[in-house]
C-alpha atoms as a PDB file:
ATOM      1  CA  UNK A   1       0.000   0.000   0.000  1.00  0.00           C
ATOM      2  CA  UNK A   2       1.323   3.426  -0.941  1.00  0.00           C
ATOM      3  CA  UNK A   3       1.712   5.888   1.877  1.00  0.00           C
ATOM      4  CA  UNK A   4      -0.457   9.022   1.738  1.00  0.00           C
ATOM      5  CA  UNK A   5       1.166  12.178   0.413  1.00  0.00           C
ATOM      6  CA  UNK A   6       1.008  15.592   2.034  1.00  0.00           C
ATOM      7  CA  UNK A   7       2.007  18.499  -0.208  1.00  0.00           C
ATOM      8  CA  UNK A   8       3.485  21.515   1.542  1.00  0.00           C
ATOM      9  CA  UNK A   9       2.865  24.739  -0.349  1.00  0.00           C
ATOM     10  CA  UNK A  10       4.374  28.162   0.211  1.00  0.00           C
ATOM     11  CA  UNK A  11       6.795  28.951   2.993  1.00  0.00           C
ATOM     12  CA  UNK A  12       8.431  26.310   5.155  1.00  0.00           C
ATOM     13  CA  UNK A  13       9.740  28.949   7.531  1.00  0.00           C
ATOM     14  CA  UNK A  14       9.477  30.221  11.079  1.00  0.00           C
ATOM     15  CA  UNK A  15       6.306  32.084  10.109  1.00  0.00           C
ATOM     16  CA  UNK A  16       4.433  28.810   9.492  1.00  0.00           C
ATOM     17  CA  UNK A  17       6.341  26.340  11.676  1.00  0.00           C
ATOM     18  CA  UNK A  18       3.657  25.986  14.379  1.00  0.00           C
ATOM     19  CA  UNK A  19       0.851  25.564  11.835  1.00  0.00           C
ATOM     20  CA  UNK A  20       2.810  23.057   9.758  1.00  0.00           C
ATOM     21  CA  UNK A  21       3.912  21.113  12.832  1.00  0.00           C
ATOM     22  CA  UNK A  22       0.275  20.426  13.734  1.00  0.00           C
ATOM     23  CA  UNK A  23      -0.521  19.541  10.112  1.00  0.00           C
ATOM     24  CA  UNK A  24       2.410  17.104   9.909  1.00  0.00           C
ATOM     25  CA  UNK A  25       1.630  15.406  13.219  1.00  0.00           C
ATOM     26  CA  UNK A  26      -2.038  15.044  12.279  1.00  0.00           C
ATOM     27  CA  UNK A  27      -1.118  13.605   8.864  1.00  0.00           C
ATOM     28  CA  UNK A  28       1.272  11.103  10.458  1.00  0.00           C
ATOM     29  CA  UNK A  29      -1.394  10.055  12.956  1.00  0.00           C
ATOM     30  CA  UNK A  30      -4.057   9.703  10.255  1.00  0.00           C
ATOM     31  CA  UNK A  31      -1.941   7.698   7.788  1.00  0.00           C
ATOM     32  CA  UNK A  32      -3.427   4.189   7.556  1.00  0.00           C
ATOM     33  CA  UNK A  33      -0.079   2.388   7.847  1.00  0.00           C
ATOM     34  CA  UNK A  34       1.588   5.235   9.724  1.00  0.00           C
ATOM     35  CA  UNK A  35       3.948   6.133   6.882  1.00  0.00           C
ATOM     36  CA  UNK A  36       3.770   9.513   5.150  1.00  0.00           C
ATOM     37  CA  UNK A  37       5.300  11.073   2.046  1.00  0.00           C
ATOM     38  CA  UNK A  38       5.941  14.833   1.984  1.00  0.00           C
ATOM     39  CA  UNK A  39       5.843  16.500  -1.421  1.00  0.00           C
ATOM     40  CA  UNK A  40       8.064  19.579  -1.168  1.00  0.00           C
ATOM     41  CA  UNK A  41       7.741  20.732  -4.798  1.00  0.00           C
ATOM     42  CA  UNK A  42       5.675  23.840  -3.955  1.00  0.00           C
ATOM     43  CA  UNK A  43       7.852  25.111  -1.080  1.00  0.00           C
ATOM     44  CA  UNK A  44       8.806  28.673  -2.014  1.00  0.00           C
ATOM     45  CA  UNK A  45      10.955  29.592   1.004  1.00  0.00           C
ATOM     46  CA  UNK A  46      12.885  27.370   3.386  1.00  0.00           C
ATOM     47  CA  UNK A  47      14.762  28.426   6.525  1.00  0.00           C
ATOM     48  CA  UNK A  48      16.293  26.882   9.644  1.00  0.00           C
ATOM     49  CA  UNK A  49      12.862  26.596  11.291  1.00  0.00           C
ATOM     50  CA  UNK A  50      11.755  24.543   8.287  1.00  0.00           C
ATOM     51  CA  UNK A  51      14.811  22.335   8.690  1.00  0.00           C
ATOM     52  CA  UNK A  52      14.036  21.854  12.386  1.00  0.00           C
ATOM     53  CA  UNK A  53      10.418  21.046  11.587  1.00  0.00           C
ATOM     54  CA  UNK A  54      11.382  18.358   9.064  1.00  0.00           C
ATOM     55  CA  UNK A  55      13.948  16.910  11.479  1.00  0.00           C
ATOM     56  CA  UNK A  56      11.385  16.797  14.303  1.00  0.00           C
ATOM     57  CA  UNK A  57       8.774  15.193  12.040  1.00  0.00           C
ATOM     58  CA  UNK A  58      11.285  12.554  10.902  1.00  0.00           C
ATOM     59  CA  UNK A  59      12.264  11.849  14.514  1.00  0.00           C
ATOM     60  CA  UNK A  60       8.615  11.641  15.566  1.00  0.00           C
ATOM     61  CA  UNK A  61       7.864   9.175  12.760  1.00  0.00           C
ATOM     62  CA  UNK A  62      10.887   7.037  13.633  1.00  0.00           C
ATOM     63  CA  UNK A  63       9.916   6.985  17.324  1.00  0.00           C
ATOM     64  CA  UNK A  64       6.649   5.377  16.222  1.00  0.00           C
ATOM     65  CA  UNK A  65       8.456   2.962  13.852  1.00  0.00           C
ATOM     66  CA  UNK A  66       7.009   4.831  10.886  1.00  0.00           C
ATOM     67  CA  UNK A  67       8.557   6.268   7.741  1.00  0.00           C
ATOM     68  CA  UNK A  68       8.526   9.890   6.626  1.00  0.00           C
ATOM     69  CA  UNK A  69       9.689  10.290   3.040  1.00  0.00           C
ATOM     70  CA  UNK A  70      10.615  13.594   1.418  1.00  0.00           C
ATOM     71  CA  UNK A  71      10.081  13.856  -2.340  1.00  0.00           C
ATOM     72  CA  UNK A  72      10.073  16.412  -5.154  1.00  0.00           C
ATOM     73  CA  UNK A  73      12.337  18.914  -3.387  1.00  0.00           C
ATOM     74  CA  UNK A  74      11.763  22.490  -4.610  1.00  0.00           C
ATOM     75  CA  UNK A  75      14.767  24.655  -5.552  1.00  0.00           C
ATOM     76  CA  UNK A  76      14.502  26.399  -2.150  1.00  0.00           C
ATOM     77  CA  UNK A  77      14.624  23.089  -0.304  1.00  0.00           C
ATOM     78  CA  UNK A  78      17.447  21.769  -2.498  1.00  0.00           C
ATOM     79  CA  UNK A  79      19.487  24.922  -1.801  1.00  0.00           C
ATOM     80  CA  UNK A  80      18.935  24.609   1.943  1.00  0.00           C
ATOM     81  CA  UNK A  81      19.798  20.907   1.982  1.00  0.00           C
ATOM     82  CA  UNK A  82      22.967  21.506  -0.043  1.00  0.00           C
ATOM     83  CA  UNK A  83      24.147  24.456   2.067  1.00  0.00           C
ATOM     84  CA  UNK A  84      23.572  22.531   5.297  1.00  0.00           C
ATOM     85  CA  UNK A  85      24.636  19.138   3.881  1.00  0.00           C
ATOM     86  CA  UNK A  86      21.377  17.518   5.031  1.00  0.00           C
ATOM     87  CA  UNK A  87      20.637  14.995   2.287  1.00  0.00           C
ATOM     88  CA  UNK A  88      22.250  12.156   4.226  1.00  0.00           C
ATOM     89  CA  UNK A  89      20.419  13.035   7.434  1.00  0.00           C
ATOM     90  CA  UNK A  90      17.002  12.434   5.914  1.00  0.00           C
ATOM     91  CA  UNK A  91      18.086   9.440   3.842  1.00  0.00           C
ATOM     92  CA  UNK A  92      15.809  10.307   0.919  1.00  0.00           C
ATOM     93  CA  UNK A  93      17.224  10.933  -2.541  1.00  0.00           C
ATOM     94  CA  UNK A  94      17.032  14.585  -3.580  1.00  0.00           C
ATOM     95  CA  UNK A  95      14.349  14.566  -6.237  1.00  0.00           C
ATOM     96  CA  UNK A  96      13.511  17.921  -7.748  1.00  0.00           C
ATOM     97  CA  UNK A  97      10.057  18.252  -9.275  1.00  0.00           C
ATOM     98  CA  UNK A  98       9.906  17.859 -13.060  1.00  0.00           C
ATOM     99  CA  UNK A  99      10.393  21.101 -14.998  1.00  0.00           C
ATOM    100  CA  UNK A 100       7.449  22.396 -16.945  1.00  0.00           C
END
C-alpha cells in the first residue's frame, strides 16, 4: 500500500512552523499504515525553522516505527539541503520536481 502524500505549499519557515507542525503530526497520525510522504515541490521559502520542523517530524515518525519520506524537493529546499549538507540526514534521494 502506498503511503499518503502531504504536499506543503508556500513557505516552510518560522512564520508557518507551528501551523505546519500540527498539520504534519495530524497527517502522520491519520496515515493508515503510519507512513507519510511529503511532497516539497511547492515550497517557495525554506529556513532553519523549516529544517528543524522536518527533522522533528522525521524523529517523531521514527519513534513510532514509521517512515517519513521527502520527495520532489523544490529549488529552495534543495538549496537549503545543499548548504547545510542535510541529504544524508534524511536518507531520501534529492528529487527535484519535473520542470514544466
